[in-house]
């Protein structure tokens, strides 16, 4: 991936190819429309992850599920195997891009081991804990953290196979 390439969202998808000096607005065709009933600012994108081995592949979580773009955000396709529910956080394993984790509101964490084709619920996460953030240890990519908005931080020390509350 190109370290000068940055993505963001606020009302719409933003892209910079010069480290943030200037910005363009990819079309983002295929994403659900923004909800006009929500107070502004509101974007259909809740969470965003870029595949570090292929900077053209973006995964965007919305209130209506998970969407994937293979052309830097110009066009998106809905990931049909993910529920039509808010995707709050996305994590792509930097050591194995086939492993993707998503947090679904009210359903816990789902994991795909095949680049998003199939998804399975992971054990050890309370489905009522809204996971808003994922992070990996810089010393060991098999240690993954999942933080809720309010109550807990979960930790997996085996690449996401099992999870347990680390801090409450």
Protein backbone atom coordinates (compact mmCIF):
# COMPACT_ATOMS: atom_id res chain seq x y z
CA UNK A 1 0.00 0.00 0.00
CA UNK A 2 1.04 3.58 -0.61
CA UNK A 3 1.77 5.46 2.67
CA UNK A 4 0.80 8.77 1.00
CA UNK A 5 -2.68 7.43 0.27
CA UNK A 6 -5.22 8.30 2.96
CA UNK A 7 -8.96 7.64 3.15
CA UNK A 8 -11.54 9.24 5.39
CA UNK A 9 -15.27 9.79 5.58
CA UNK A 10 -17.43 12.65 6.69
CA UNK A 11 -20.59 13.19 4.67
CA UNK A 12 -18.88 11.19 1.90
CA UNK A 13 -15.76 9.19 1.13
CA UNK A 14 -12.53 11.21 0.90
CA UNK A 15 -9.21 10.15 -0.67
CA UNK A 16 -5.79 11.79 -0.67
CA UNK A 17 -2.82 10.53 -2.67
CA UNK A 18 -0.38 13.17 -1.40
CA UNK A 19 -0.45 12.61 2.35
CA UNK A 20 -3.46 14.85 2.99
CA UNK A 21 -2.45 17.99 1.09
CA UNK A 22 -5.35 17.63 -1.33
CA UNK A 23 -8.46 15.47 -1.42
CA UNK A 24 -10.73 13.89 -4.03
CA UNK A 25 -14.12 12.28 -3.58
CA UNK A 26 -14.47 8.77 -5.04
CA UNK A 27 -17.94 8.09 -6.44
CA UNK A 28 -18.67 5.33 -3.91
CA UNK A 29 -21.40 3.96 -6.19
CA UNK A 30 -23.25 1.04 -4.68
CA UNK A 31 -23.17 2.20 -1.05
CA UNK A 32 -26.56 2.68 0.57
CA UNK A 33 -27.76 6.29 0.44
CA UNK A 34 -27.13 8.44 3.47
CA UNK A 35 -30.08 8.68 5.79
CA UNK A 36 -31.60 12.15 5.32
CA UNK A 37 -33.46 11.77 8.64
CA UNK A 38 -30.22 11.67 10.65
CA UNK A 39 -28.78 14.92 11.95
CA UNK A 40 -25.87 16.13 9.90
CA UNK A 41 -23.09 15.33 9.49
CA UNK A 42 -23.99 11.77 8.55
CA UNK A 43 -22.26 9.43 6.15
CA UNK A 44 -23.45 5.97 5.17
CA UNK A 45 -19.96 4.77 6.20
CA UNK A 46 -19.53 3.86 9.87
CA UNK A 47 -16.23 1.99 9.61
CA UNK A 48 -13.51 1.67 6.99
CA UNK A 49 -10.55 -0.67 6.47
CA UNK A 50 -8.01 -0.71 3.66
CA UNK A 51 -6.34 -3.95 2.62
CA UNK A 52 -2.66 -3.21 3.29
CA UNK A 53 -1.51 -5.63 0.58
CA UNK A 54 -3.82 -4.09 -2.03
CA UNK A 55 -4.52 -0.40 -1.45
CA UNK A 56 -7.34 -0.50 -4.02
CA UNK A 57 -9.48 -2.78 -1.82
CA UNK A 58 -11.65 -0.99 0.75
CA UNK A 59 -14.09 -2.54 3.17
CA UNK A 60 -16.79 -0.15 4.39
CA UNK A 61 -19.21 -0.84 7.20
CA UNK A 62 -22.57 0.89 6.99
CA UNK A 63 -25.91 0.78 8.83
CA UNK A 64 -26.99 -1.65 6.11
CA UNK A 65 -24.13 -4.17 6.28
CA UNK A 66 -20.66 -4.57 4.81
CA UNK A 67 -19.58 -3.31 1.39
CA UNK A 68 -16.39 -3.98 -0.58
CA UNK A 69 -14.71 -1.84 -3.23
CA UNK A 70 -11.91 -3.19 -5.44
CA UNK A 71 -11.29 0.12 -7.22
CA UNK A 72 -10.32 2.58 -4.48
CA UNK A 73 -13.89 3.43 -3.51
CA UNK A 74 -15.32 4.19 -6.94
CA UNK A 75 -17.75 1.23 -6.88
CA UNK A 76 -18.99 -0.96 -4.05
CA UNK A 77 -20.77 -4.31 -3.79
CA UNK A 78 -22.67 -5.44 -0.73
CA UNK A 79 -21.28 -8.51 1.02
CA UNK A 80 -24.41 -10.66 0.93
CA UNK A 81 -23.22 -13.11 3.58
CA UNK A 82 -23.15 -10.35 6.26
CA UNK A 83 -26.40 -9.36 8.02
CA UNK A 84 -28.18 -6.15 7.04
CA UNK A 85 -27.14 -4.45 10.30
CA UNK A 86 -24.66 -1.77 11.41
CA UNK A 87 -21.01 -2.81 10.93
CA UNK A 88 -19.24 -0.84 13.66
CA UNK A 89 -15.61 -1.89 13.16
CA UNK A 90 -13.46 -3.79 10.65
CA UNK A 91 -10.04 -5.41 11.08
CA UNK A 92 -7.95 -7.06 8.37
CA UNK A 93 -5.10 -9.25 9.65
CA UNK A 94 -1.92 -7.71 8.19
CA UNK A 95 -0.18 -11.10 8.22
CA UNK A 96 -3.03 -12.94 6.51
CA UNK A 97 -5.42 -10.75 4.52
CA UNK A 98 -7.86 -13.66 4.23
CA UNK A 99 -8.72 -13.13 7.92
CA UNK A 100 -11.18 -10.27 8.35
CA UNK A 101 -13.08 -9.43 11.53
CA UNK A 102 -16.17 -7.25 11.74
CA UNK A 103 -18.27 -6.05 14.64
CA UNK A 104 -22.01 -6.19 14.03
CA UNK A 105 -24.24 -4.17 16.34
CA UNK A 106 -26.10 -6.52 18.68
CA UNK A 107 -24.43 -9.63 17.23
CA UNK A 108 -20.82 -9.55 18.39
CA UNK A 109 -17.87 -10.30 16.11
CA UNK A 110 -17.90 -12.24 12.86
CA UNK A 111 -14.75 -13.62 11.23
CA UNK A 112 -14.07 -14.53 7.64
CA UNK A 113 -11.11 -16.72 6.77
CA UNK A 114 -11.66 -16.49 3.02
CA UNK A 115 -11.52 -12.74 2.21
CA UNK A 116 -15.17 -12.11 3.05
CA UNK A 117 -16.97 -14.95 1.28
CA UNK A 118 -18.15 -16.76 4.43
CA UNK A 119 -18.52 -15.46 7.99
CA UNK A 120 -18.73 -17.18 11.38
CA UNK A 121 -19.53 -15.77 14.81
CA UNK A 122 -16.55 -15.86 17.16
CA UNK A 123 -16.91 -17.18 20.71
CA UNK A 124 -16.14 -15.26 23.88
CA UNK A 125 -17.68 -11.90 22.92
CA UNK A 126 -20.90 -10.75 24.59
CA UNK A 127 -23.27 -9.91 21.72
CA UNK A 128 -24.57 -6.95 23.73
CA UNK A 129 -21.11 -5.34 23.83
CA UNK A 130 -20.87 -3.00 20.86
CA UNK A 131 -17.31 -3.43 19.60
CA UNK A 132 -16.19 -0.13 18.14
CA UNK A 133 -12.46 -0.64 17.65
CA UNK A 134 -9.96 -3.34 16.71
CA UNK A 135 -6.19 -3.17 17.17
CA UNK A 136 -3.31 -5.63 16.97
CA UNK A 137 -0.20 -5.74 19.08
CA UNK A 138 2.75 -4.24 17.18
CA UNK A 139 4.94 -6.99 18.68
CA UNK A 140 2.67 -9.93 17.86
CA UNK A 141 -0.03 -9.78 15.17
CA UNK A 142 -1.73 -12.83 16.75
CA UNK A 143 -2.67 -10.64 19.72
CA UNK A 144 -5.80 -8.72 18.72
CA UNK A 145 -7.82 -6.36 20.89
CA UNK A 146 -11.50 -5.49 20.49
CA UNK A 147 -12.74 -2.53 22.49
CA UNK A 148 -16.34 -1.76 23.26
CA UNK A 149 -17.69 1.76 23.37
CA UNK A 150 -18.19 1.62 27.14
CA UNK A 151 -17.62 -1.55 29.11
CA UNK A 152 -14.73 -3.80 28.13
CA UNK A 153 -11.68 -4.64 26.10
CA UNK A 154 -11.50 -8.18 24.77
CA UNK A 155 -8.24 -9.86 23.78
CA UNK A 156 -7.36 -12.79 21.58
CA UNK A 157 -3.84 -14.16 21.83
CA UNK A 158 -4.23 -16.74 19.07
CA UNK A 159 -5.15 -14.73 16.00
CA UNK A 160 -8.84 -14.41 16.85
CA UNK A 161 -9.63 -18.09 17.47
CA UNK A 162 -10.69 -17.44 21.07
CA UNK A 163 -11.49 -14.23 22.94
CA UNK A 164 -11.74 -13.27 26.61
CA UNK A 165 -12.35 -10.09 28.55
CA UNK A 166 -8.99 -8.42 29.12
CA UNK A 167 -10.15 -5.24 30.93
CA UNK A 168 -13.57 -4.28 32.24
